[in-house]
Amino acid sequence: MIIKVCGMRDPENIREVAALGVDWIGLIFFARSPRRITNNGQLTIDNGGKRYSDCQLSIINYPLKKVGVFVNTSFEELVETAAFFRLDYLQLHGNETPEDCHALQKRGYSLIKAFQIATACDLEQTTNYEGRVDYFLFDTKCNSYGGSGKQFDWSVLEAYRGKTPFLLSGGIRPESAGAIRSFRHPRLAGIDLNSGFEIEPGLKDIGKLKEFLKAIQNHNS
């Protein structure tokens, strides 16, 4: 099972998380997120990777996959940022269409498309994205583009019959370990961890992560 820790931005904290053996880290490039990647603490007005020219994260190598998280970002900026940070996956949280995804796919990008879920009916929106992305990410439905810190009713995913594997997201906390161990779905590929394991936005609690990973290790195969 893939373990993704999202909302990372501190180089030393990333090193500590990488040492735990997680698989992916998420770097957020959405300006309204408190966990967004900045250029020495300040966002600038340049486009794409140029805005992060002094960002330490662009030159540090980690033995894990880097996922860039975007919301309604232009094609050009996606391409620039992906190249600058050497991203392995682009995670799309906005109104990106299947055609948008296909255009990125043709350029060789690996994609994750996020969907906000509250009821089984919300799963219907995934149909047109089959074959256009590598993974879906199922997050809690809210008034923003994710990051609510709340958990949705995972039982609604019993209605998901698609072929695309998915990551489970939304409000996963240390006390969710038992529910993770119990959850079963043939397309479950991994879990996405964020605010439930933070000291403050963008800074993860290594102790909490370590204990959680130990608690779910029997399910992580």
N, C-alpha and C. Protein backbone atom coordinates (compact mmCIF):
# COMPACT_ATOMS: atom_id res chain seq x y z
N MET A 1 0.84 -1.19 0.00
CA MET A 1 0.00 0.00 0.00
C MET A 1 0.88 1.25 0.00
N ILE A 2 0.59 2.17 -0.90
CA ILE A 2 1.33 3.42 -1.01
C ILE A 2 1.02 4.33 0.18
N ILE A 3 2.06 4.87 0.78
CA ILE A 3 1.89 5.85 1.85
C ILE A 3 2.37 7.20 1.31
N LYS A 4 1.45 8.13 1.18
CA LYS A 4 1.78 9.48 0.71
C LYS A 4 1.58 10.46 1.86
N VAL A 5 2.59 11.27 2.10
CA VAL A 5 2.50 12.33 3.10
C VAL A 5 2.49 13.65 2.35
N CYS A 6 1.39 14.36 2.46
CA CYS A 6 1.19 15.57 1.66
C CYS A 6 1.39 16.83 2.49
N GLY A 7 1.56 17.95 1.78
CA GLY A 7 1.72 19.24 2.46
C GLY A 7 3.10 19.42 3.06
N MET A 8 4.12 18.85 2.42
CA MET A 8 5.49 18.96 2.91
C MET A 8 6.16 20.19 2.29
N ARG A 9 6.99 20.88 3.09
CA ARG A 9 7.73 22.01 2.51
C ARG A 9 9.03 22.33 3.23
N ASP A 10 9.29 21.70 4.36
CA ASP A 10 10.53 21.95 5.09
C ASP A 10 11.55 20.85 4.75
N PRO A 11 12.71 21.21 4.21
CA PRO A 11 13.68 20.20 3.78
C PRO A 11 14.06 19.19 4.86
N GLU A 12 14.34 19.65 6.07
CA GLU A 12 14.74 18.73 7.14
C GLU A 12 13.58 17.83 7.53
N ASN A 13 12.38 18.37 7.58
CA ASN A 13 11.20 17.57 7.90
C ASN A 13 10.97 16.50 6.83
N ILE A 14 11.24 16.85 5.57
CA ILE A 14 11.11 15.88 4.49
C ILE A 14 12.13 14.76 4.66
N ARG A 15 13.35 15.11 5.04
CA ARG A 15 14.37 14.08 5.28
C ARG A 15 13.92 13.11 6.37
N GLU A 16 13.32 13.66 7.42
CA GLU A 16 12.86 12.82 8.53
C GLU A 16 11.71 11.92 8.09
N VAL A 17 10.80 12.46 7.30
CA VAL A 17 9.68 11.66 6.80
C VAL A 17 10.18 10.58 5.85
N ALA A 18 11.12 10.94 4.98
CA ALA A 18 11.68 9.97 4.04
C ALA A 18 12.34 8.81 4.79
N ALA A 19 12.97 9.10 5.91
CA ALA A 19 13.65 8.07 6.69
C ALA A 19 12.68 7.06 7.29
N LEU A 20 11.39 7.42 7.36
CA LEU A 20 10.38 6.49 7.88
C LEU A 20 9.98 5.43 6.86
N GLY A 21 10.41 5.64 5.61
CA GLY A 21 10.10 4.65 4.59
C GLY A 21 8.79 4.88 3.85
N VAL A 22 8.26 6.12 3.91
CA VAL A 22 7.04 6.40 3.14
C VAL A 22 7.39 6.39 1.65
N ASP A 23 6.37 6.33 0.82
CA ASP A 23 6.58 6.16 -0.61
C ASP A 23 6.58 7.47 -1.39
N TRP A 24 5.64 8.33 -1.07
CA TRP A 24 5.47 9.59 -1.80
C TRP A 24 5.37 10.76 -0.83
N ILE A 25 5.82 11.94 -1.28
CA ILE A 25 5.53 13.18 -0.56
C ILE A 25 4.78 14.10 -1.51
N GLY A 26 3.90 14.92 -0.93
CA GLY A 26 3.14 15.87 -1.73
C GLY A 26 3.61 17.29 -1.48
N LEU A 27 3.88 18.01 -2.56
CA LEU A 27 4.28 19.42 -2.51
C LEU A 27 3.13 20.23 -3.09
N ILE A 28 2.58 21.15 -2.32
CA ILE A 28 1.38 21.87 -2.73
C ILE A 28 1.75 23.20 -3.39
N PHE A 29 1.22 23.41 -4.59
CA PHE A 29 1.50 24.63 -5.36
C PHE A 29 0.23 25.47 -5.56
N PHE A 30 -0.68 25.39 -4.61
CA PHE A 30 -1.91 26.17 -4.65
C PHE A 30 -1.75 27.36 -3.72
N ALA A 31 -1.83 28.57 -4.26
CA ALA A 31 -1.47 29.78 -3.51
C ALA A 31 -2.29 29.98 -2.24
N ARG A 32 -3.53 29.48 -2.21
CA ARG A 32 -4.37 29.72 -1.04
C ARG A 32 -4.21 28.66 0.05
N SER A 33 -3.32 27.70 -0.16
CA SER A 33 -3.09 26.68 0.85
C SER A 33 -2.07 27.15 1.87
N PRO A 34 -2.31 26.91 3.17
CA PRO A 34 -1.30 27.27 4.18
C PRO A 34 -0.06 26.40 4.10
N ARG A 35 -0.12 25.34 3.29
CA ARG A 35 1.01 24.43 3.13
C ARG A 35 1.71 24.60 1.78
N ARG A 36 1.43 25.69 1.12
CA ARG A 36 1.97 25.90 -0.22
C ARG A 36 3.49 26.04 -0.20
N ILE A 37 4.10 25.64 -1.29
CA ILE A 37 5.54 25.82 -1.46
C ILE A 37 5.80 27.30 -1.74
N THR A 38 6.77 27.86 -1.06
CA THR A 38 7.11 29.26 -1.25
C THR A 38 8.57 29.40 -1.63
N ASN A 39 8.92 30.58 -2.07
CA ASN A 39 10.29 30.92 -2.43
C ASN A 39 10.91 31.67 -1.26
N ASN A 40 11.64 30.95 -0.40
CA ASN A 40 12.20 31.54 0.82
C ASN A 40 11.13 32.23 1.65
N GLY A 41 9.96 31.58 1.71
CA GLY A 41 8.89 32.10 2.55
C GLY A 41 7.98 33.11 1.87
N GLN A 42 8.31 33.50 0.64
CA GLN A 42 7.49 34.50 -0.05
C GLN A 42 7.08 33.98 -1.43
N LEU A 43 5.80 34.12 -1.75
CA LEU A 43 5.36 33.83 -3.11
C LEU A 43 5.68 35.03 -3.99
N THR A 44 6.14 34.77 -5.21
CA THR A 44 6.41 35.86 -6.14
C THR A 44 5.42 35.78 -7.29
N ILE A 45 5.46 36.75 -8.18
CA ILE A 45 4.44 36.83 -9.21
C ILE A 45 4.86 36.19 -10.53
N ASP A 46 6.07 35.67 -10.62
CA ASP A 46 6.50 35.01 -11.85
C ASP A 46 5.73 33.72 -12.04
N ASN A 47 5.73 33.23 -13.26
CA ASN A 47 5.00 32.00 -13.56
C ASN A 47 5.86 30.76 -13.36
N GLY A 48 5.18 29.65 -13.16
CA GLY A 48 5.83 28.35 -13.15
C GLY A 48 6.99 28.23 -12.19
N GLY A 49 8.00 27.43 -12.59
CA GLY A 49 9.13 27.17 -11.74
C GLY A 49 9.94 28.41 -11.41
N LYS A 50 9.87 29.44 -12.25
CA LYS A 50 10.66 30.65 -12.01
C LYS A 50 10.35 31.29 -10.66
N ARG A 51 9.13 31.14 -10.21
CA ARG A 51 8.76 31.77 -8.94
C ARG A 51 9.46 31.11 -7.76
N TYR A 52 10.01 29.90 -7.98
CA TYR A 52 10.63 29.16 -6.89
C TYR A 52 12.14 29.06 -7.08
N SER A 53 12.74 30.04 -7.76
CA SER A 53 14.14 29.92 -8.16
C SER A 53 15.09 29.75 -6.98
N ASP A 54 14.71 30.22 -5.79
CA ASP A 54 15.57 30.09 -4.62
C ASP A 54 15.09 29.03 -3.64
N CYS A 55 14.08 28.26 -4.04
CA CYS A 55 13.50 27.27 -3.13
C CYS A 55 14.42 26.07 -2.99
N GLN A 56 14.78 25.74 -1.77
CA GLN A 56 15.71 24.63 -1.53
C GLN A 56 15.17 23.30 -2.03
N LEU A 57 13.86 23.14 -2.03
CA LEU A 57 13.30 21.84 -2.39
C LEU A 57 13.58 21.45 -3.82
N SER A 58 13.91 22.41 -4.67
CA SER A 58 14.14 22.10 -6.08
C SER A 58 15.46 21.39 -6.32
N ILE A 59 16.37 21.42 -5.35
CA ILE A 59 17.69 20.85 -5.59
C ILE A 59 18.00 19.67 -4.66
N ILE A 60 17.03 19.29 -3.85
CA ILE A 60 17.26 18.19 -2.91
C ILE A 60 16.69 16.90 -3.47
N ASN A 61 17.46 15.85 -3.42
CA ASN A 61 17.01 14.55 -3.90
C ASN A 61 16.60 13.67 -2.73
N TYR A 62 15.47 13.00 -2.87
CA TYR A 62 14.98 12.09 -1.84
C TYR A 62 14.67 10.75 -2.49
N PRO A 63 14.82 9.66 -1.75
CA PRO A 63 14.55 8.33 -2.31
C PRO A 63 13.06 8.00 -2.30
N LEU A 64 12.24 8.93 -2.71
CA LEU A 64 10.80 8.71 -2.74
C LEU A 64 10.21 9.59 -3.83
N LYS A 65 8.99 9.28 -4.24
CA LYS A 65 8.35 10.00 -5.33
C LYS A 65 7.83 11.36 -4.86
N LYS A 66 7.94 12.35 -5.74
CA LYS A 66 7.44 13.69 -5.44
C LYS A 66 6.17 13.95 -6.25
N VAL A 67 5.12 14.33 -5.53
CA VAL A 67 3.82 14.61 -6.14
C VAL A 67 3.55 16.11 -6.02
N GLY A 68 3.30 16.77 -7.13
CA GLY A 68 2.94 18.17 -7.11
C GLY A 68 1.43 18.32 -7.10
N VAL A 69 0.92 19.11 -6.18
CA VAL A 69 -0.53 19.29 -6.03
C VAL A 69 -0.92 20.65 -6.61
N PHE A 70 -1.86 20.63 -7.57
CA PHE A 70 -2.24 21.84 -8.30
C PHE A 70 -3.75 22.00 -8.35
N VAL A 71 -4.19 23.25 -8.48
CA VAL A 71 -5.61 23.56 -8.62
C VAL A 71 -5.79 24.52 -9.79
N ASN A 72 -6.39 24.04 -10.86
CA ASN A 72 -6.71 24.89 -12.02
C ASN A 72 -5.49 25.67 -12.52
N THR A 73 -4.37 25.00 -12.57
CA THR A 73 -3.12 25.62 -13.02
C THR A 73 -3.00 25.52 -14.53
N SER A 74 -2.45 26.54 -15.16
CA SER A 74 -2.31 26.51 -16.62
C SER A 74 -1.36 25.40 -17.04
N PHE A 75 -1.54 24.95 -18.28
CA PHE A 75 -0.70 23.89 -18.82
C PHE A 75 0.77 24.28 -18.76
N GLU A 76 1.06 25.51 -19.15
CA GLU A 76 2.45 25.97 -19.20
C GLU A 76 3.08 25.98 -17.81
N GLU A 77 2.32 26.43 -16.82
CA GLU A 77 2.86 26.47 -15.46
C GLU A 77 3.05 25.07 -14.89
N LEU A 78 2.13 24.17 -15.21
CA LEU A 78 2.29 22.78 -14.78
C LEU A 78 3.59 22.20 -15.32
N VAL A 79 3.82 22.41 -16.60
CA VAL A 79 5.01 21.86 -17.25
C VAL A 79 6.28 22.45 -16.64
N GLU A 80 6.30 23.77 -16.45
CA GLU A 80 7.48 24.42 -15.87
C GLU A 80 7.76 23.94 -14.45
N THR A 81 6.71 23.90 -13.64
CA THR A 81 6.89 23.52 -12.24
C THR A 81 7.31 22.07 -12.12
N ALA A 82 6.70 21.21 -12.94
CA ALA A 82 7.05 19.78 -12.91
C ALA A 82 8.52 19.57 -13.25
N ALA A 83 9.01 20.33 -14.22
CA ALA A 83 10.41 20.19 -14.62
C ALA A 83 11.34 20.75 -13.54
N PHE A 84 10.99 21.89 -12.98
CA PHE A 84 11.85 22.55 -12.00
C PHE A 84 12.02 21.71 -10.74
N PHE A 85 10.93 21.08 -10.28
CA PHE A 85 10.99 20.28 -9.06
C PHE A 85 11.15 18.79 -9.33
N ARG A 86 11.29 18.43 -10.59
CA ARG A 86 11.45 17.03 -10.99
C ARG A 86 10.33 16.17 -10.36
N LEU A 87 9.11 16.57 -10.61
CA LEU A 87 7.96 15.89 -10.03
C LEU A 87 7.70 14.56 -10.73
N ASP A 88 7.33 13.57 -9.96
CA ASP A 88 7.00 12.25 -10.51
C ASP A 88 5.53 12.14 -10.87
N TYR A 89 4.68 12.85 -10.14
CA TYR A 89 3.24 12.84 -10.40
C TYR A 89 2.69 14.26 -10.30
N LEU A 90 1.65 14.53 -11.08
CA LEU A 90 0.88 15.76 -10.95
C LEU A 90 -0.48 15.38 -10.38
N GLN A 91 -0.83 15.98 -9.25
CA GLN A 91 -2.12 15.71 -8.60
C GLN A 91 -3.02 16.92 -8.84
N LEU A 92 -4.15 16.69 -9.49
CA LEU A 92 -5.02 17.77 -9.95
C LEU A 92 -6.28 17.83 -9.11
N HIS A 93 -6.51 18.98 -8.46
CA HIS A 93 -7.63 19.13 -7.53
C HIS A 93 -8.71 20.09 -8.02
N GLY A 94 -8.55 20.64 -9.20
CA GLY A 94 -9.49 21.65 -9.67
C GLY A 94 -10.52 21.11 -10.64
N ASN A 95 -10.83 21.94 -11.65
CA ASN A 95 -11.84 21.59 -12.64
C ASN A 95 -11.22 21.05 -13.92
N GLU A 96 -10.08 20.42 -13.79
CA GLU A 96 -9.40 19.87 -14.95
C GLU A 96 -10.28 18.81 -15.63
N THR A 97 -10.41 18.91 -16.94
CA THR A 97 -11.27 18.00 -17.69
C THR A 97 -10.52 16.74 -18.10
N PRO A 98 -11.25 15.71 -18.54
CA PRO A 98 -10.56 14.53 -19.08
C PRO A 98 -9.64 14.89 -20.24
N GLU A 99 -10.05 15.90 -21.03
CA GLU A 99 -9.23 16.33 -22.16
C GLU A 99 -7.93 16.98 -21.67
N ASP A 100 -8.03 17.75 -20.60
CA ASP A 100 -6.83 18.34 -20.01
C ASP A 100 -5.86 17.25 -19.56
N CYS A 101 -6.42 16.25 -18.92
CA CYS A 101 -5.60 15.14 -18.43
C CYS A 101 -4.96 14.39 -19.58
N HIS A 102 -5.72 14.20 -20.65
CA HIS A 102 -5.19 13.48 -21.81
C HIS A 102 -4.03 14.25 -22.43
N ALA A 103 -4.15 15.58 -22.48
CA ALA A 103 -3.07 16.40 -23.04
C ALA A 103 -1.80 16.25 -22.22
N LEU A 104 -1.93 16.22 -20.91
CA LEU A 104 -0.76 16.02 -20.05
C LEU A 104 -0.23 14.61 -20.18
N GLN A 105 -1.14 13.67 -20.31
CA GLN A 105 -0.76 12.26 -20.48
C GLN A 105 0.10 12.09 -21.73
N LYS A 106 -0.30 12.75 -22.80
CA LYS A 106 0.44 12.65 -24.06
C LYS A 106 1.83 13.24 -23.95
N ARG A 107 2.01 14.15 -22.98
CA ARG A 107 3.34 14.72 -22.74
C ARG A 107 4.18 13.85 -21.82
N GLY A 108 3.60 12.73 -21.38
CA GLY A 108 4.36 11.78 -20.57
C GLY A 108 4.21 11.92 -19.08
N TYR A 109 3.27 12.75 -18.61
CA TYR A 109 3.10 12.95 -17.18
C TYR A 109 2.23 11.87 -16.55
N SER A 110 2.61 11.47 -15.35
CA SER A 110 1.79 10.56 -14.54
C SER A 110 0.85 11.41 -13.70
N LEU A 111 -0.42 11.03 -13.66
CA LEU A 111 -1.44 11.91 -13.08
C LEU A 111 -2.25 11.25 -11.98
N ILE A 112 -2.65 12.09 -11.02
CA ILE A 112 -3.60 11.72 -9.97
C ILE A 112 -4.72 12.76 -10.04
N LYS A 113 -5.96 12.31 -10.16
CA LYS A 113 -7.09 13.25 -10.18
C LYS A 113 -7.89 13.10 -8.90
N ALA A 114 -8.06 14.21 -8.20
CA ALA A 114 -8.78 14.20 -6.93
C ALA A 114 -10.27 14.46 -7.15
N PHE A 115 -11.08 13.76 -6.37
CA PHE A 115 -12.53 13.94 -6.39
C PHE A 115 -13.03 14.08 -4.96
N GLN A 116 -13.98 14.99 -4.77
CA GLN A 116 -14.58 15.16 -3.45
C GLN A 116 -15.80 14.25 -3.34
N ILE A 117 -15.82 13.47 -2.27
CA ILE A 117 -16.83 12.43 -2.12
C ILE A 117 -17.63 12.63 -0.84
N ALA A 118 -18.95 12.54 -0.98
CA ALA A 118 -19.85 12.52 0.18
C ALA A 118 -20.82 11.35 0.08
N THR A 119 -21.30 11.08 -1.13
CA THR A 119 -22.23 9.97 -1.36
C THR A 119 -21.76 9.16 -2.55
N ALA A 120 -22.38 8.02 -2.75
CA ALA A 120 -22.02 7.15 -3.87
C ALA A 120 -22.23 7.85 -5.21
N CYS A 121 -23.17 8.78 -5.27
CA CYS A 121 -23.42 9.51 -6.52
C CYS A 121 -22.20 10.30 -6.97
N ASP A 122 -21.39 10.74 -6.01
CA ASP A 122 -20.21 11.53 -6.36
C ASP A 122 -19.18 10.71 -7.13
N LEU A 123 -19.27 9.41 -7.05
CA LEU A 123 -18.32 8.54 -7.75
C LEU A 123 -18.57 8.51 -9.25
N GLU A 124 -19.76 8.93 -9.66
CA GLU A 124 -20.09 8.90 -11.08
C GLU A 124 -19.19 9.80 -11.90
N GLN A 125 -18.67 10.86 -11.27
CA GLN A 125 -17.82 11.81 -12.00
C GLN A 125 -16.48 11.21 -12.42
N THR A 126 -16.13 10.07 -11.86
CA THR A 126 -14.85 9.44 -12.21
C THR A 126 -14.89 8.76 -13.57
N THR A 127 -16.07 8.43 -14.04
CA THR A 127 -16.21 7.58 -15.24
C THR A 127 -15.45 8.13 -16.44
N ASN A 128 -15.57 9.42 -16.71
CA ASN A 128 -14.95 9.99 -17.90
C ASN A 128 -13.44 10.14 -17.78
N TYR A 129 -12.91 9.91 -16.59
CA TYR A 129 -11.47 10.01 -16.38
C TYR A 129 -10.77 8.66 -16.44
N GLU A 130 -11.53 7.59 -16.61
CA GLU A 130 -10.92 6.27 -16.74
C GLU A 130 -9.98 6.27 -17.94
N GLY A 131 -8.76 5.78 -17.74
CA GLY A 131 -7.79 5.74 -18.82
C GLY A 131 -7.06 7.05 -19.05
N ARG A 132 -7.47 8.11 -18.36
CA ARG A 132 -6.85 9.42 -18.53
C ARG A 132 -5.90 9.78 -17.40
N VAL A 133 -5.95 9.03 -16.31
CA VAL A 133 -5.06 9.28 -15.17
C VAL A 133 -4.57 7.95 -14.62
N ASP A 134 -3.54 8.01 -13.79
CA ASP A 134 -2.97 6.79 -13.21
C ASP A 134 -3.67 6.40 -11.91
N TYR A 135 -4.08 7.40 -11.15
CA TYR A 135 -4.76 7.15 -9.87
C TYR A 135 -5.87 8.19 -9.68
N PHE A 136 -6.89 7.79 -8.95
CA PHE A 136 -7.84 8.73 -8.39
C PHE A 136 -7.47 8.96 -6.93
N LEU A 137 -7.86 10.11 -6.40
CA LEU A 137 -7.73 10.37 -4.97
C LEU A 137 -9.11 10.79 -4.48
N PHE A 138 -9.63 10.05 -3.51
CA PHE A 138 -10.95 10.32 -2.98
C PHE A 138 -10.82 11.09 -1.66
N ASP A 139 -11.31 12.33 -1.68
CA ASP A 139 -11.19 13.24 -0.55
C ASP A 139 -12.58 13.60 -0.04
N THR A 140 -12.62 14.23 1.11
CA THR A 140 -13.89 14.63 1.71
C THR A 140 -14.47 15.85 1.00
N LYS A 141 -15.74 15.81 0.72
CA LYS A 141 -16.41 16.92 0.05
C LYS A 141 -16.48 18.12 0.99
N CYS A 142 -16.09 19.29 0.47
CA CYS A 142 -16.12 20.51 1.27
C CYS A 142 -16.25 21.70 0.33
N ASN A 143 -16.22 22.90 0.88
CA ASN A 143 -16.41 24.10 0.08
C ASN A 143 -15.12 24.62 -0.54
N SER A 144 -14.01 23.96 -0.27
CA SER A 144 -12.74 24.37 -0.84
C SER A 144 -12.18 23.20 -1.65
N TYR A 145 -10.92 23.32 -2.05
CA TYR A 145 -10.30 22.27 -2.87
C TYR A 145 -9.56 21.26 -1.99
N GLY A 146 -10.28 20.66 -1.05
CA GLY A 146 -9.66 19.68 -0.17
C GLY A 146 -9.07 20.34 1.07
N GLY A 147 -8.41 19.52 1.88
CA GLY A 147 -7.76 20.04 3.08
C GLY A 147 -8.72 20.34 4.21
N SER A 148 -9.89 19.70 4.21
CA SER A 148 -10.88 19.98 5.26
C SER A 148 -10.49 19.39 6.61
N GLY A 149 -9.65 18.35 6.59
CA GLY A 149 -9.29 17.67 7.83
C GLY A 149 -10.40 16.77 8.35
N LYS A 150 -11.44 16.59 7.55
CA LYS A 150 -12.57 15.75 7.96
C LYS A 150 -12.61 14.47 7.13
N GLN A 151 -13.17 13.44 7.71
CA GLN A 151 -13.23 12.14 7.06
C GLN A 151 -14.64 11.88 6.53
N PHE A 152 -14.73 11.37 5.30
CA PHE A 152 -16.04 11.00 4.78
C PHE A 152 -16.33 9.53 5.09
N ASP A 153 -17.54 9.11 4.82
CA ASP A 153 -17.95 7.74 5.09
C ASP A 153 -17.37 6.82 4.02
N TRP A 154 -16.32 6.09 4.38
CA TRP A 154 -15.64 5.25 3.40
C TRP A 154 -16.52 4.14 2.84
N SER A 155 -17.59 3.82 3.51
CA SER A 155 -18.45 2.73 3.03
C SER A 155 -19.07 3.07 1.68
N VAL A 156 -19.16 4.37 1.33
CA VAL A 156 -19.74 4.72 0.03
C VAL A 156 -18.86 4.23 -1.11
N LEU A 157 -17.59 3.95 -0.83
CA LEU A 157 -16.68 3.48 -1.87
C LEU A 157 -16.97 2.06 -2.31
N GLU A 158 -17.85 1.38 -1.59
CA GLU A 158 -18.29 0.06 -2.05
C GLU A 158 -18.94 0.16 -3.43
N ALA A 159 -19.47 1.34 -3.74
CA ALA A 159 -20.13 1.55 -5.03
C ALA A 159 -19.15 1.83 -6.17
N TYR A 160 -17.87 2.02 -5.84
CA TYR A 160 -16.89 2.29 -6.89
C TYR A 160 -16.53 1.01 -7.62
N ARG A 161 -16.81 0.98 -8.92
CA ARG A 161 -16.55 -0.20 -9.74
C ARG A 161 -15.56 0.10 -10.86
N GLY A 162 -14.89 1.24 -10.77
CA GLY A 162 -13.95 1.61 -11.82
C GLY A 162 -12.70 0.75 -11.82
N LYS A 163 -11.90 0.93 -12.86
CA LYS A 163 -10.66 0.17 -13.00
C LYS A 163 -9.44 0.94 -12.49
N THR A 164 -9.59 2.24 -12.30
CA THR A 164 -8.45 3.05 -11.87
C THR A 164 -8.22 2.89 -10.37
N PRO A 165 -7.00 2.57 -9.94
CA PRO A 165 -6.72 2.46 -8.50
C PRO A 165 -6.84 3.82 -7.83
N PHE A 166 -7.10 3.81 -6.53
CA PHE A 166 -7.31 5.09 -5.84
C PHE A 166 -6.54 5.17 -4.53
N LEU A 167 -6.31 6.43 -4.13
CA LEU A 167 -5.76 6.74 -2.81
C LEU A 167 -6.89 7.25 -1.94
N LEU A 168 -6.88 6.85 -0.70
CA LEU A 168 -7.88 7.28 0.28
C LEU A 168 -7.33 8.49 1.02
N SER A 169 -8.13 9.56 1.07
CA SER A 169 -7.68 10.80 1.68
C SER A 169 -8.81 11.40 2.51
N GLY A 170 -8.49 12.45 3.25
CA GLY A 170 -9.51 13.18 3.99
C GLY A 170 -9.60 12.80 5.45
N GLY A 171 -8.97 13.59 6.30
CA GLY A 171 -9.14 13.44 7.74
C GLY A 171 -8.54 12.21 8.37
N ILE A 172 -7.58 11.58 7.71
CA ILE A 172 -6.92 10.42 8.31
C ILE A 172 -6.00 10.90 9.43
N ARG A 173 -6.15 10.29 10.61
CA ARG A 173 -5.42 10.69 11.81
C ARG A 173 -4.77 9.46 12.45
N PRO A 174 -3.94 9.66 13.47
CA PRO A 174 -3.33 8.50 14.14
C PRO A 174 -4.36 7.48 14.60
N GLU A 175 -5.51 7.96 15.08
CA GLU A 175 -6.54 7.04 15.57
C GLU A 175 -7.30 6.34 14.45
N SER A 176 -6.97 6.66 13.18
CA SER A 176 -7.62 6.00 12.04
C SER A 176 -6.97 4.67 11.68
N ALA A 177 -5.91 4.29 12.38
CA ALA A 177 -5.16 3.08 12.01
C ALA A 177 -6.05 1.84 11.96
N GLY A 178 -6.92 1.68 12.95
CA GLY A 178 -7.79 0.52 12.97
C GLY A 178 -8.73 0.48 11.78
N ALA A 179 -9.28 1.63 11.42
CA ALA A 179 -10.18 1.71 10.27
C ALA A 179 -9.44 1.42 8.97
N ILE A 180 -8.20 1.87 8.88
CA ILE A 180 -7.40 1.58 7.69
C ILE A 180 -7.15 0.08 7.57
N ARG A 181 -6.81 -0.55 8.68
CA ARG A 181 -6.57 -1.99 8.65
C ARG A 181 -7.82 -2.76 8.24
N SER A 182 -8.97 -2.24 8.61
CA SER A 182 -10.23 -2.95 8.33
C SER A 182 -10.78 -2.67 6.94
N PHE A 183 -10.36 -1.55 6.34
CA PHE A 183 -10.93 -1.16 5.05
C PHE A 183 -10.41 -2.06 3.93
N ARG A 184 -11.33 -2.52 3.11
CA ARG A 184 -10.98 -3.38 1.99
C ARG A 184 -11.66 -2.90 0.72
N HIS A 185 -10.88 -2.81 -0.34
CA HIS A 185 -11.43 -2.53 -1.67
C HIS A 185 -10.39 -3.00 -2.68
N PRO A 186 -10.81 -3.69 -3.74
CA PRO A 186 -9.83 -4.22 -4.69
C PRO A 186 -9.01 -3.15 -5.41
N ARG A 187 -9.50 -1.90 -5.44
CA ARG A 187 -8.77 -0.83 -6.13
C ARG A 187 -8.04 0.11 -5.17
N LEU A 188 -8.06 -0.18 -3.89
CA LEU A 188 -7.32 0.65 -2.94
C LEU A 188 -5.83 0.50 -3.19
N ALA A 189 -5.17 1.63 -3.51
CA ALA A 189 -3.74 1.60 -3.79
C ALA A 189 -2.92 2.18 -2.65
N GLY A 190 -3.52 3.07 -1.87
CA GLY A 190 -2.75 3.70 -0.81
C GLY A 190 -3.56 4.74 -0.05
N ILE A 191 -2.88 5.44 0.85
CA ILE A 191 -3.52 6.46 1.68
C ILE A 191 -2.72 7.76 1.62
N ASP A 192 -3.43 8.86 1.83
CA ASP A 192 -2.85 10.19 1.75
C ASP A 192 -2.96 10.85 3.13
N LEU A 193 -1.84 11.17 3.74
CA LEU A 193 -1.80 11.73 5.09
C LEU A 193 -1.40 13.19 5.04
N ASN A 194 -2.06 14.00 5.88
CA ASN A 194 -1.71 15.41 5.89
C ASN A 194 -1.93 16.04 7.26
N SER A 195 -3.00 16.81 7.41
CA SER A 195 -3.16 17.65 8.60
C SER A 195 -3.29 16.87 9.91
N GLY A 196 -3.74 15.63 9.84
CA GLY A 196 -3.89 14.83 11.05
C GLY A 196 -2.57 14.46 11.70
N PHE A 197 -1.46 14.76 11.03
CA PHE A 197 -0.14 14.40 11.54
C PHE A 197 0.78 15.62 11.63
N GLU A 198 0.19 16.78 11.85
CA GLU A 198 0.97 18.01 11.83
C GLU A 198 1.17 18.64 13.20
N ILE A 199 2.32 19.27 13.34
CA ILE A 199 2.61 20.15 14.47
C ILE A 199 2.04 21.54 14.15
N GLU A 200 2.19 21.92 12.90
CA GLU A 200 1.64 23.16 12.35
C GLU A 200 1.54 22.93 10.84
N PRO A 201 0.80 23.76 10.11
CA PRO A 201 0.67 23.54 8.67
C PRO A 201 2.02 23.43 7.97
N GLY A 202 2.22 22.30 7.30
CA GLY A 202 3.46 22.08 6.56
C GLY A 202 4.56 21.40 7.34
N LEU A 203 4.36 21.17 8.64
CA LEU A 203 5.39 20.53 9.47
C LEU A 203 4.80 19.29 10.13
N LYS A 204 5.32 18.11 9.75
CA LYS A 204 4.76 16.86 10.22
C LYS A 204 5.39 16.40 11.52
N ASP A 205 4.56 15.74 12.35
CA ASP A 205 4.99 15.17 13.62
C ASP A 205 5.56 13.78 13.35
N ILE A 206 6.86 13.65 13.42
CA ILE A 206 7.52 12.40 13.06
C ILE A 206 7.12 11.27 13.99
N GLY A 207 6.96 11.56 15.27
CA GLY A 207 6.56 10.54 16.23
C GLY A 207 5.19 9.97 15.91
N LYS A 208 4.23 10.83 15.59
CA LYS A 208 2.89 10.36 15.25
C LYS A 208 2.90 9.53 13.97
N LEU A 209 3.66 9.98 12.99
CA LEU A 209 3.75 9.22 11.74
C LEU A 209 4.36 7.85 11.98
N LYS A 210 5.43 7.82 12.76
CA LYS A 210 6.12 6.56 13.02
C LYS A 210 5.20 5.55 13.69
N GLU A 211 4.45 5.99 14.70
CA GLU A 211 3.54 5.10 15.41
C GLU A 211 2.40 4.64 14.51
N PHE A 212 1.89 5.54 13.68
CA PHE A 212 0.81 5.19 12.77
C PHE A 212 1.27 4.15 11.75
N LEU A 213 2.43 4.37 11.18
CA LEU A 213 2.95 3.43 10.19
C LEU A 213 3.17 2.05 10.80
N LYS A 214 3.63 2.03 12.03
CA LYS A 214 3.81 0.76 12.72
C LYS A 214 2.46 0.08 12.94
N ALA A 215 1.44 0.88 13.26
CA ALA A 215 0.11 0.33 13.55
C ALA A 215 -0.56 -0.27 12.33
N ILE A 216 -0.25 0.26 11.14
CA ILE A 216 -0.91 -0.24 9.93
C ILE A 216 -0.03 -1.20 9.13
N GLN A 217 1.14 -1.54 9.64
CA GLN A 217 2.10 -2.29 8.83
C GLN A 217 1.57 -3.64 8.36
N ASN A 218 0.69 -4.24 9.11
CA ASN A 218 0.14 -5.52 8.68
C ASN A 218 -0.77 -5.39 7.47
N HIS A 219 -1.26 -4.15 7.24
CA HIS A 219 -2.14 -3.90 6.09
C HIS A 219 -1.34 -3.41 4.90
N ASN A 220 -0.11 -3.00 5.14
CA ASN A 220 0.70 -2.36 4.10
C ASN A 220 1.47 -3.40 3.31
N SER A 221 0.78 -4.00 2.36
CA SER A 221 1.42 -5.04 1.54
C SER A 221 1.03 -4.88 0.09
